[in-house]
Amino acid sequence: MSALTDQLPALLGVLLGTSGTILATGIADRSRWQRQQAARWDERRLQAYVEFANAVKEVHTYALRIANLNALSHDVDREQALARMEEADIRRTKTWESVLLLGDAASIIAAREWRAAVTDIARYARGMTSAGFELAAGLDHANDTRDRFYQAARASLGIRGSAVPQSDWLAGKLDLPAQPGA
């Protein structure tokens, strides 16, 4: 019995060491898995934000072109631009679902506001706006909401540094058509 008692501290040390190793390995594996999951979702969130932003910007670009065509009375290119804007609008609708699924609350709210501002411009381009809508103000609003979306998306992705707002810079670059009927 005394031989067992003499070896008991060594046996307990081996058991304690093995248990500690198993525990430490489990904690490290779990931590590594959580980091990999976070990186994976960040990549998908980034992809969702980029695809959504590209689709919204495409609708915005076509709407502005159509607004310019309306002012210049070029009907042939207008129909083609309207068709392309409709295709872009479908892409925007599809990519919106990914933003809803993967985005955080601030990014979703900012994306919704940008989408609504660009929708107003697209309605203007189609000739479907309510009285009182002014293209210049609508474009300023769309640019402001775009900046807010990018700020929220960067924060959501943990990107350090601040986004460079584009709305003030863009405001001076726009060559807007005259209002229809003006």
N, C-alpha and C. Protein backbone atom coordinates (compact mmCIF):
# COMPACT_ATOMS: atom_id res chain seq x y z
N MET A 1 0.81 -1.18 0.00
CA MET A 1 0.00 0.00 0.00
C MET A 1 0.86 1.25 0.00
N SER A 2 2.01 1.18 0.68
CA SER A 2 2.86 2.35 0.75
C SER A 2 3.47 2.66 -0.62
N ALA A 3 3.63 1.69 -1.50
CA ALA A 3 4.14 1.94 -2.85
C ALA A 3 3.12 2.77 -3.62
N LEU A 4 1.83 2.48 -3.45
CA LEU A 4 0.78 3.24 -4.11
C LEU A 4 0.73 4.66 -3.55
N THR A 5 0.89 4.77 -2.26
CA THR A 5 0.88 6.09 -1.62
C THR A 5 2.07 6.91 -2.08
N ASP A 6 3.21 6.26 -2.28
CA ASP A 6 4.39 6.98 -2.76
C ASP A 6 4.20 7.47 -4.18
N GLN A 7 3.46 6.72 -4.98
CA GLN A 7 3.26 7.09 -6.39
C GLN A 7 2.03 7.97 -6.61
N LEU A 8 1.21 8.15 -5.59
CA LEU A 8 -0.02 8.94 -5.71
C LEU A 8 0.25 10.38 -6.14
N PRO A 9 1.21 11.10 -5.60
CA PRO A 9 1.45 12.47 -6.07
C PRO A 9 1.81 12.51 -7.55
N ALA A 10 2.62 11.57 -8.01
CA ALA A 10 2.99 11.54 -9.43
C ALA A 10 1.77 11.25 -10.29
N LEU A 11 0.94 10.30 -9.86
CA LEU A 11 -0.28 9.94 -10.59
C LEU A 11 -1.24 11.13 -10.65
N LEU A 12 -1.41 11.83 -9.53
CA LEU A 12 -2.27 13.01 -9.50
C LEU A 12 -1.71 14.11 -10.41
N GLY A 13 -0.40 14.25 -10.44
CA GLY A 13 0.24 15.25 -11.31
C GLY A 13 -0.02 14.95 -12.78
N VAL A 14 0.06 13.67 -13.14
CA VAL A 14 -0.20 13.27 -14.53
C VAL A 14 -1.66 13.54 -14.88
N LEU A 15 -2.58 13.17 -13.97
CA LEU A 15 -4.00 13.40 -14.22
C LEU A 15 -4.31 14.90 -14.31
N LEU A 16 -3.74 15.66 -13.41
CA LEU A 16 -3.97 17.10 -13.42
C LEU A 16 -3.38 17.73 -14.69
N GLY A 17 -2.20 17.32 -15.08
CA GLY A 17 -1.56 17.83 -16.30
C GLY A 17 -2.36 17.48 -17.53
N THR A 18 -2.85 16.24 -17.61
CA THR A 18 -3.65 15.81 -18.75
C THR A 18 -4.95 16.59 -18.82
N SER A 19 -5.59 16.75 -17.67
CA SER A 19 -6.85 17.51 -17.62
C SER A 19 -6.62 18.96 -18.04
N GLY A 20 -5.55 19.55 -17.56
CA GLY A 20 -5.23 20.93 -17.93
C GLY A 20 -4.96 21.08 -19.42
N THR A 21 -4.25 20.10 -19.99
CA THR A 21 -3.96 20.13 -21.42
C THR A 21 -5.24 20.02 -22.23
N ILE A 22 -6.11 19.10 -21.84
CA ILE A 22 -7.38 18.93 -22.55
C ILE A 22 -8.22 20.20 -22.46
N LEU A 23 -8.29 20.80 -21.28
CA LEU A 23 -9.05 22.02 -21.08
C LEU A 23 -8.47 23.17 -21.90
N ALA A 24 -7.16 23.35 -21.84
CA ALA A 24 -6.52 24.44 -22.58
C ALA A 24 -6.69 24.26 -24.09
N THR A 25 -6.57 23.02 -24.57
CA THR A 25 -6.75 22.75 -26.00
C THR A 25 -8.19 23.05 -26.41
N GLY A 26 -9.14 22.66 -25.59
CA GLY A 26 -10.56 22.92 -25.89
C GLY A 26 -10.85 24.41 -25.95
N ILE A 27 -10.31 25.16 -25.01
CA ILE A 27 -10.52 26.61 -24.99
C ILE A 27 -9.87 27.26 -26.21
N ALA A 28 -8.66 26.84 -26.55
CA ALA A 28 -7.96 27.39 -27.71
C ALA A 28 -8.70 27.06 -29.00
N ASP A 29 -9.19 25.81 -29.12
CA ASP A 29 -9.94 25.42 -30.32
C ASP A 29 -11.23 26.21 -30.45
N ARG A 30 -11.91 26.40 -29.35
CA ARG A 30 -13.17 27.16 -29.37
C ARG A 30 -12.90 28.61 -29.76
N SER A 31 -11.86 29.19 -29.20
CA SER A 31 -11.51 30.57 -29.51
C SER A 31 -11.14 30.71 -30.99
N ARG A 32 -10.36 29.77 -31.52
CA ARG A 32 -9.97 29.79 -32.93
C ARG A 32 -11.20 29.65 -33.81
N TRP A 33 -12.13 28.76 -33.45
CA TRP A 33 -13.36 28.58 -34.23
C TRP A 33 -14.18 29.87 -34.24
N GLN A 34 -14.29 30.53 -33.08
CA GLN A 34 -15.05 31.77 -33.01
C GLN A 34 -14.42 32.87 -33.86
N ARG A 35 -13.09 32.95 -33.87
CA ARG A 35 -12.41 33.94 -34.71
C ARG A 35 -12.65 33.64 -36.19
N GLN A 36 -12.59 32.37 -36.56
CA GLN A 36 -12.82 31.99 -37.95
C GLN A 36 -14.26 32.30 -38.37
N GLN A 37 -15.20 32.03 -37.48
CA GLN A 37 -16.61 32.34 -37.78
C GLN A 37 -16.79 33.84 -37.95
N ALA A 38 -16.21 34.63 -37.06
CA ALA A 38 -16.34 36.08 -37.14
C ALA A 38 -15.74 36.59 -38.45
N ALA A 39 -14.58 36.08 -38.82
CA ALA A 39 -13.94 36.50 -40.07
C ALA A 39 -14.80 36.09 -41.26
N ARG A 40 -15.35 34.89 -41.21
CA ARG A 40 -16.20 34.42 -42.31
C ARG A 40 -17.42 35.31 -42.47
N TRP A 41 -18.08 35.66 -41.37
CA TRP A 41 -19.28 36.51 -41.46
C TRP A 41 -18.91 37.93 -41.84
N ASP A 42 -17.75 38.41 -41.40
CA ASP A 42 -17.31 39.74 -41.82
C ASP A 42 -17.10 39.78 -43.33
N GLU A 43 -16.52 38.72 -43.89
CA GLU A 43 -16.32 38.65 -45.35
C GLU A 43 -17.66 38.67 -46.07
N ARG A 44 -18.60 37.91 -45.56
CA ARG A 44 -19.92 37.88 -46.20
C ARG A 44 -20.66 39.20 -46.02
N ARG A 45 -20.51 39.81 -44.87
CA ARG A 45 -21.14 41.12 -44.63
C ARG A 45 -20.54 42.15 -45.58
N LEU A 46 -19.22 42.14 -45.73
CA LEU A 46 -18.56 43.05 -46.66
C LEU A 46 -19.09 42.83 -48.08
N GLN A 47 -19.19 41.58 -48.49
CA GLN A 47 -19.69 41.27 -49.82
C GLN A 47 -21.12 41.78 -49.99
N ALA A 48 -21.96 41.59 -48.98
CA ALA A 48 -23.35 42.06 -49.05
C ALA A 48 -23.39 43.58 -49.17
N TYR A 49 -22.58 44.28 -48.38
CA TYR A 49 -22.56 45.73 -48.43
C TYR A 49 -22.08 46.23 -49.80
N VAL A 50 -21.03 45.61 -50.32
CA VAL A 50 -20.48 46.04 -51.61
C VAL A 50 -21.48 45.79 -52.73
N GLU A 51 -22.09 44.62 -52.75
CA GLU A 51 -23.06 44.32 -53.82
C GLU A 51 -24.26 45.25 -53.75
N PHE A 52 -24.73 45.52 -52.54
CA PHE A 52 -25.86 46.44 -52.37
C PHE A 52 -25.47 47.84 -52.83
N ALA A 53 -24.32 48.32 -52.39
CA ALA A 53 -23.87 49.66 -52.77
C ALA A 53 -23.72 49.79 -54.28
N ASN A 54 -23.17 48.76 -54.91
CA ASN A 54 -23.01 48.79 -56.37
C ASN A 54 -24.37 48.85 -57.07
N ALA A 55 -25.33 48.08 -56.58
CA ALA A 55 -26.65 48.07 -57.20
C ALA A 55 -27.37 49.40 -57.00
N VAL A 56 -27.30 49.96 -55.80
CA VAL A 56 -27.93 51.26 -55.55
C VAL A 56 -27.28 52.34 -56.42
N LYS A 57 -25.96 52.31 -56.49
CA LYS A 57 -25.25 53.31 -57.29
C LYS A 57 -25.60 53.15 -58.77
N GLU A 58 -25.81 51.93 -59.22
CA GLU A 58 -26.19 51.71 -60.62
C GLU A 58 -27.57 52.31 -60.91
N VAL A 59 -28.52 52.09 -60.01
CA VAL A 59 -29.85 52.69 -60.17
C VAL A 59 -29.72 54.21 -60.17
N HIS A 60 -28.93 54.74 -59.26
CA HIS A 60 -28.71 56.18 -59.14
C HIS A 60 -28.13 56.73 -60.45
N THR A 61 -27.14 56.06 -60.98
CA THR A 61 -26.48 56.52 -62.20
C THR A 61 -27.44 56.54 -63.38
N TYR A 62 -28.20 55.45 -63.56
CA TYR A 62 -29.17 55.41 -64.66
C TYR A 62 -30.26 56.46 -64.47
N ALA A 63 -30.72 56.65 -63.26
CA ALA A 63 -31.77 57.64 -63.01
C ALA A 63 -31.27 59.04 -63.37
N LEU A 64 -30.04 59.34 -63.01
CA LEU A 64 -29.49 60.65 -63.34
C LEU A 64 -29.33 60.81 -64.85
N ARG A 65 -28.90 59.76 -65.51
CA ARG A 65 -28.78 59.82 -66.98
C ARG A 65 -30.15 60.04 -67.62
N ILE A 66 -31.15 59.34 -67.12
CA ILE A 66 -32.50 59.50 -67.67
C ILE A 66 -33.01 60.91 -67.41
N ALA A 67 -32.74 61.44 -66.24
CA ALA A 67 -33.14 62.82 -65.94
C ALA A 67 -32.49 63.78 -66.92
N ASN A 68 -31.23 63.55 -67.25
CA ASN A 68 -30.56 64.39 -68.24
C ASN A 68 -31.17 64.19 -69.62
N LEU A 69 -31.51 62.95 -69.97
CA LEU A 69 -32.16 62.67 -71.26
C LEU A 69 -33.53 63.33 -71.33
N ASN A 70 -34.25 63.31 -70.22
CA ASN A 70 -35.56 63.96 -70.19
C ASN A 70 -35.41 65.44 -70.53
N ALA A 71 -34.38 66.06 -69.97
CA ALA A 71 -34.17 67.49 -70.20
C ALA A 71 -33.74 67.75 -71.65
N LEU A 72 -33.07 66.78 -72.27
CA LEU A 72 -32.58 66.96 -73.63
C LEU A 72 -33.50 66.37 -74.68
N SER A 73 -34.55 65.69 -74.26
CA SER A 73 -35.56 65.08 -75.15
C SER A 73 -34.97 64.05 -76.11
N HIS A 74 -34.17 63.13 -75.61
CA HIS A 74 -33.65 62.02 -76.40
C HIS A 74 -34.43 60.77 -76.04
N ASP A 75 -35.47 60.45 -76.80
CA ASP A 75 -36.35 59.35 -76.44
C ASP A 75 -35.76 57.97 -76.70
N VAL A 76 -34.93 57.79 -77.71
CA VAL A 76 -34.41 56.47 -78.06
C VAL A 76 -33.55 55.91 -76.93
N ASP A 77 -32.57 56.68 -76.49
CA ASP A 77 -31.69 56.21 -75.42
C ASP A 77 -32.43 56.12 -74.08
N ARG A 78 -33.47 56.90 -73.92
CA ARG A 78 -34.23 56.91 -72.68
C ARG A 78 -34.85 55.54 -72.41
N GLU A 79 -35.41 54.92 -73.42
CA GLU A 79 -36.04 53.61 -73.24
C GLU A 79 -35.02 52.55 -72.84
N GLN A 80 -33.87 52.59 -73.45
CA GLN A 80 -32.81 51.64 -73.11
C GLN A 80 -32.31 51.89 -71.68
N ALA A 81 -32.15 53.15 -71.33
CA ALA A 81 -31.71 53.50 -69.98
C ALA A 81 -32.76 53.09 -68.95
N LEU A 82 -34.04 53.27 -69.26
CA LEU A 82 -35.11 52.83 -68.35
C LEU A 82 -35.06 51.32 -68.14
N ALA A 83 -34.85 50.57 -69.21
CA ALA A 83 -34.77 49.11 -69.09
C ALA A 83 -33.58 48.70 -68.22
N ARG A 84 -32.45 49.35 -68.41
CA ARG A 84 -31.27 49.04 -67.60
C ARG A 84 -31.48 49.44 -66.14
N MET A 85 -32.18 50.55 -65.93
CA MET A 85 -32.45 50.97 -64.56
C MET A 85 -33.36 49.96 -63.88
N GLU A 86 -34.32 49.41 -64.60
CA GLU A 86 -35.20 48.39 -64.04
C GLU A 86 -34.42 47.13 -63.67
N GLU A 87 -33.47 46.72 -64.51
CA GLU A 87 -32.63 45.57 -64.21
C GLU A 87 -31.79 45.84 -62.95
N ALA A 88 -31.24 47.03 -62.88
CA ALA A 88 -30.44 47.40 -61.70
C ALA A 88 -31.31 47.43 -60.45
N ASP A 89 -32.55 47.88 -60.61
CA ASP A 89 -33.46 47.92 -59.47
C ASP A 89 -33.76 46.51 -58.95
N ILE A 90 -33.86 45.55 -59.85
CA ILE A 90 -34.07 44.16 -59.44
C ILE A 90 -32.84 43.67 -58.66
N ARG A 91 -31.63 43.99 -59.15
CA ARG A 91 -30.40 43.60 -58.43
C ARG A 91 -30.36 44.26 -57.05
N ARG A 92 -30.78 45.51 -56.99
CA ARG A 92 -30.80 46.22 -55.72
C ARG A 92 -31.75 45.53 -54.74
N THR A 93 -32.90 45.12 -55.23
CA THR A 93 -33.87 44.43 -54.38
C THR A 93 -33.31 43.11 -53.87
N LYS A 94 -32.63 42.38 -54.73
CA LYS A 94 -32.05 41.10 -54.32
C LYS A 94 -30.92 41.29 -53.31
N THR A 95 -30.07 42.27 -53.54
CA THR A 95 -28.95 42.46 -52.63
C THR A 95 -29.41 43.03 -51.29
N TRP A 96 -30.54 43.70 -51.28
CA TRP A 96 -31.10 44.24 -50.03
C TRP A 96 -31.34 43.12 -49.03
N GLU A 97 -31.75 41.96 -49.51
CA GLU A 97 -32.02 40.84 -48.61
C GLU A 97 -30.76 40.41 -47.86
N SER A 98 -29.62 40.43 -48.53
CA SER A 98 -28.36 40.07 -47.87
C SER A 98 -28.00 41.09 -46.80
N VAL A 99 -28.25 42.37 -47.09
CA VAL A 99 -27.98 43.41 -46.10
C VAL A 99 -28.87 43.20 -44.88
N LEU A 100 -30.14 42.89 -45.12
CA LEU A 100 -31.07 42.64 -44.01
C LEU A 100 -30.62 41.45 -43.17
N LEU A 101 -30.12 40.42 -43.82
CA LEU A 101 -29.71 39.21 -43.13
C LEU A 101 -28.41 39.38 -42.36
N LEU A 102 -27.44 40.07 -42.93
CA LEU A 102 -26.10 40.11 -42.37
C LEU A 102 -25.72 41.43 -41.70
N GLY A 103 -26.43 42.50 -42.03
CA GLY A 103 -26.05 43.81 -41.52
C GLY A 103 -26.45 44.04 -40.08
N ASP A 104 -25.78 44.97 -39.45
CA ASP A 104 -26.18 45.39 -38.11
C ASP A 104 -27.27 46.46 -38.25
N ALA A 105 -27.89 46.82 -37.14
CA ALA A 105 -29.03 47.73 -37.17
C ALA A 105 -28.68 49.08 -37.80
N ALA A 106 -27.55 49.66 -37.41
CA ALA A 106 -27.18 50.97 -37.94
C ALA A 106 -26.96 50.93 -39.45
N SER A 107 -26.34 49.86 -39.94
CA SER A 107 -26.09 49.74 -41.38
C SER A 107 -27.39 49.53 -42.15
N ILE A 108 -28.29 48.75 -41.59
CA ILE A 108 -29.57 48.51 -42.26
C ILE A 108 -30.38 49.80 -42.34
N ILE A 109 -30.42 50.55 -41.27
CA ILE A 109 -31.16 51.82 -41.26
C ILE A 109 -30.56 52.79 -42.28
N ALA A 110 -29.23 52.90 -42.29
CA ALA A 110 -28.56 53.79 -43.25
C ALA A 110 -28.78 53.32 -44.68
N ALA A 111 -28.73 52.01 -44.91
CA ALA A 111 -28.96 51.46 -46.25
C ALA A 111 -30.38 51.74 -46.69
N ARG A 112 -31.34 51.60 -45.80
CA ARG A 112 -32.75 51.86 -46.12
C ARG A 112 -32.94 53.32 -46.53
N GLU A 113 -32.30 54.23 -45.80
CA GLU A 113 -32.43 55.66 -46.12
C GLU A 113 -31.80 55.98 -47.48
N TRP A 114 -30.64 55.38 -47.76
CA TRP A 114 -30.00 55.61 -49.06
C TRP A 114 -30.87 55.06 -50.18
N ARG A 115 -31.39 53.84 -49.97
CA ARG A 115 -32.25 53.21 -50.97
C ARG A 115 -33.47 54.08 -51.26
N ALA A 116 -34.08 54.63 -50.21
CA ALA A 116 -35.27 55.48 -50.38
C ALA A 116 -34.93 56.76 -51.13
N ALA A 117 -33.77 57.35 -50.83
CA ALA A 117 -33.37 58.58 -51.52
C ALA A 117 -33.14 58.32 -53.00
N VAL A 118 -32.52 57.21 -53.33
CA VAL A 118 -32.28 56.88 -54.74
C VAL A 118 -33.60 56.50 -55.42
N THR A 119 -34.50 55.88 -54.70
CA THR A 119 -35.82 55.57 -55.26
C THR A 119 -36.54 56.85 -55.66
N ASP A 120 -36.43 57.89 -54.85
CA ASP A 120 -37.04 59.18 -55.19
C ASP A 120 -36.47 59.73 -56.50
N ILE A 121 -35.15 59.59 -56.68
CA ILE A 121 -34.52 60.07 -57.92
C ILE A 121 -34.99 59.24 -59.10
N ALA A 122 -35.09 57.92 -58.91
CA ALA A 122 -35.57 57.04 -59.98
C ALA A 122 -37.02 57.38 -60.34
N ARG A 123 -37.83 57.67 -59.34
CA ARG A 123 -39.22 58.07 -59.62
C ARG A 123 -39.24 59.38 -60.42
N TYR A 124 -38.38 60.29 -60.08
CA TYR A 124 -38.26 61.54 -60.83
C TYR A 124 -37.90 61.24 -62.28
N ALA A 125 -36.93 60.37 -62.49
CA ALA A 125 -36.48 60.03 -63.84
C ALA A 125 -37.61 59.40 -64.65
N ARG A 126 -38.46 58.65 -63.98
CA ARG A 126 -39.61 58.01 -64.66
C ARG A 126 -40.78 58.99 -64.85
N GLY A 127 -40.67 60.17 -64.26
CA GLY A 127 -41.75 61.14 -64.34
C GLY A 127 -42.86 60.85 -63.36
N MET A 128 -42.55 60.20 -62.26
CA MET A 128 -43.57 59.77 -61.30
C MET A 128 -43.45 60.48 -59.95
N THR A 129 -42.77 61.59 -59.86
CA THR A 129 -42.57 62.23 -58.57
C THR A 129 -43.75 63.10 -58.19
N SER A 130 -43.85 63.31 -56.91
CA SER A 130 -44.89 64.21 -56.42
C SER A 130 -44.44 65.65 -56.64
N ALA A 131 -45.38 66.54 -56.62
CA ALA A 131 -45.07 67.96 -56.81
C ALA A 131 -44.12 68.41 -55.69
N GLY A 132 -43.21 69.24 -56.05
CA GLY A 132 -42.29 69.78 -55.05
C GLY A 132 -40.95 69.07 -54.99
N PHE A 133 -40.81 67.93 -55.64
CA PHE A 133 -39.51 67.25 -55.63
C PHE A 133 -38.56 68.02 -56.53
N GLU A 134 -37.40 68.32 -55.99
CA GLU A 134 -36.37 69.00 -56.77
C GLU A 134 -35.18 68.06 -56.90
N LEU A 135 -34.72 67.89 -58.11
CA LEU A 135 -33.63 66.95 -58.37
C LEU A 135 -32.37 67.30 -57.58
N ALA A 136 -32.00 68.57 -57.56
CA ALA A 136 -30.78 68.96 -56.86
C ALA A 136 -30.85 68.59 -55.38
N ALA A 137 -31.97 68.87 -54.75
CA ALA A 137 -32.14 68.53 -53.33
C ALA A 137 -32.17 67.01 -53.16
N GLY A 138 -32.80 66.31 -54.09
CA GLY A 138 -32.85 64.85 -54.02
C GLY A 138 -31.47 64.23 -54.15
N LEU A 139 -30.65 64.80 -55.03
CA LEU A 139 -29.28 64.29 -55.20
C LEU A 139 -28.43 64.58 -53.97
N ASP A 140 -28.59 65.76 -53.40
CA ASP A 140 -27.87 66.08 -52.17
C ASP A 140 -28.26 65.10 -51.06
N HIS A 141 -29.55 64.83 -50.96
CA HIS A 141 -30.03 63.90 -49.93
C HIS A 141 -29.47 62.49 -50.17
N ALA A 142 -29.48 62.05 -51.42
CA ALA A 142 -28.95 60.72 -51.75
C ALA A 142 -27.46 60.64 -51.42
N ASN A 143 -26.73 61.69 -51.72
CA ASN A 143 -25.29 61.68 -51.42
C ASN A 143 -25.03 61.67 -49.91
N ASP A 144 -25.84 62.43 -49.16
CA ASP A 144 -25.70 62.43 -47.70
C ASP A 144 -26.01 61.04 -47.12
N THR A 145 -27.08 60.43 -47.60
CA THR A 145 -27.44 59.11 -47.07
C THR A 145 -26.43 58.05 -47.49
N ARG A 146 -25.83 58.23 -48.65
CA ARG A 146 -24.76 57.32 -49.08
C ARG A 146 -23.58 57.40 -48.12
N ASP A 147 -23.19 58.62 -47.78
CA ASP A 147 -22.09 58.80 -46.83
C ASP A 147 -22.41 58.13 -45.50
N ARG A 148 -23.64 58.28 -45.02
CA ARG A 148 -24.02 57.67 -43.74
C ARG A 148 -24.00 56.14 -43.83
N PHE A 149 -24.40 55.60 -44.99
CA PHE A 149 -24.34 54.15 -45.15
C PHE A 149 -22.89 53.66 -45.07
N TYR A 150 -22.00 54.33 -45.77
CA TYR A 150 -20.61 53.90 -45.74
C TYR A 150 -20.01 54.03 -44.35
N GLN A 151 -20.36 55.06 -43.62
CA GLN A 151 -19.87 55.20 -42.25
C GLN A 151 -20.37 54.06 -41.38
N ALA A 152 -21.66 53.73 -41.50
CA ALA A 152 -22.23 52.64 -40.70
C ALA A 152 -21.64 51.29 -41.10
N ALA A 153 -21.48 51.07 -42.40
CA ALA A 153 -20.92 49.80 -42.88
C ALA A 153 -19.48 49.63 -42.40
N ARG A 154 -18.69 50.68 -42.46
CA ARG A 154 -17.30 50.61 -41.99
C ARG A 154 -17.26 50.29 -40.50
N ALA A 155 -18.13 50.92 -39.73
CA ALA A 155 -18.18 50.64 -38.30
C ALA A 155 -18.60 49.19 -38.06
N SER A 156 -19.57 48.71 -38.83
CA SER A 156 -20.04 47.34 -38.70
C SER A 156 -18.93 46.33 -38.97
N LEU A 157 -18.06 46.66 -39.90
CA LEU A 157 -16.96 45.77 -40.28
C LEU A 157 -15.71 45.97 -39.44
N GLY A 158 -15.75 46.96 -38.56
CA GLY A 158 -14.59 47.22 -37.71
C GLY A 158 -13.43 47.84 -38.46
N ILE A 159 -13.73 48.57 -39.53
CA ILE A 159 -12.67 49.22 -40.30
C ILE A 159 -12.26 50.49 -39.57
N ARG A 160 -10.99 50.58 -39.26
CA ARG A 160 -10.48 51.73 -38.52
C ARG A 160 -10.38 52.95 -39.43
N GLY A 161 -10.41 54.09 -38.83
CA GLY A 161 -10.35 55.33 -39.59
C GLY A 161 -11.75 55.72 -40.02
N SER A 162 -11.89 56.95 -40.40
CA SER A 162 -13.21 57.40 -40.80
C SER A 162 -13.32 57.39 -42.32
N ALA A 163 -14.55 57.26 -42.77
CA ALA A 163 -14.82 57.32 -44.20
C ALA A 163 -14.66 58.77 -44.64
N VAL A 164 -14.31 58.95 -45.89
CA VAL A 164 -14.19 60.30 -46.43
C VAL A 164 -15.52 60.64 -47.08
N PRO A 165 -16.26 61.57 -46.49
CA PRO A 165 -17.57 61.93 -47.06
C PRO A 165 -17.42 62.45 -48.49
N GLN A 166 -18.33 62.03 -49.33
CA GLN A 166 -18.31 62.42 -50.74
C GLN A 166 -19.36 63.48 -51.07
N SER A 167 -20.36 63.64 -50.21
CA SER A 167 -21.50 64.48 -50.57
C SER A 167 -21.12 65.93 -50.83
N ASP A 168 -20.26 66.52 -50.01
CA ASP A 168 -19.87 67.91 -50.24
C ASP A 168 -19.08 68.05 -51.55
N TRP A 169 -18.19 67.11 -51.78
CA TRP A 169 -17.40 67.13 -53.01
C TRP A 169 -18.28 66.96 -54.23
N LEU A 170 -19.24 66.02 -54.16
CA LEU A 170 -20.12 65.75 -55.30
C LEU A 170 -21.06 66.92 -55.59
N ALA A 171 -21.46 67.64 -54.55
CA ALA A 171 -22.40 68.75 -54.73
C ALA A 171 -21.85 69.78 -55.71
N GLY A 172 -20.57 69.99 -55.70
CA GLY A 172 -19.97 70.96 -56.61
C GLY A 172 -19.71 70.41 -58.00
N LYS A 173 -19.85 69.10 -58.18
CA LYS A 173 -19.53 68.47 -59.47
C LYS A 173 -20.75 68.24 -60.36
N LEU A 174 -21.94 68.40 -59.82
CA LEU A 174 -23.14 68.05 -60.56
C LEU A 174 -23.52 69.12 -61.57
N ASP A 175 -23.83 68.66 -62.78
CA ASP A 175 -24.35 69.53 -63.82
C ASP A 175 -25.78 69.07 -64.06
N LEU A 176 -26.70 69.67 -63.34
CA LEU A 176 -28.08 69.19 -63.35
C LEU A 176 -28.87 69.81 -64.49
N PRO A 177 -29.82 69.01 -65.02
CA PRO A 177 -30.69 69.54 -66.06
C PRO A 177 -31.71 70.50 -65.44
N ALA A 178 -32.29 71.29 -66.28
CA ALA A 178 -33.38 72.17 -65.82
C ALA A 178 -34.56 71.30 -65.42
N GLN A 179 -35.36 71.79 -64.49
CA GLN A 179 -36.54 71.06 -64.06
C GLN A 179 -37.49 70.90 -65.24
N PRO A 180 -38.15 69.72 -65.37
CA PRO A 180 -39.11 69.55 -66.45
C PRO A 180 -40.17 70.65 -66.39
N GLY A 181 -40.47 71.23 -67.54
CA GLY A 181 -41.50 72.24 -67.61
C GLY A 181 -40.99 73.62 -67.24
N ALA A 182 -39.69 73.72 -66.89
CA ALA A 182 -39.16 75.03 -66.47
C ALA A 182 -38.70 75.82 -67.66
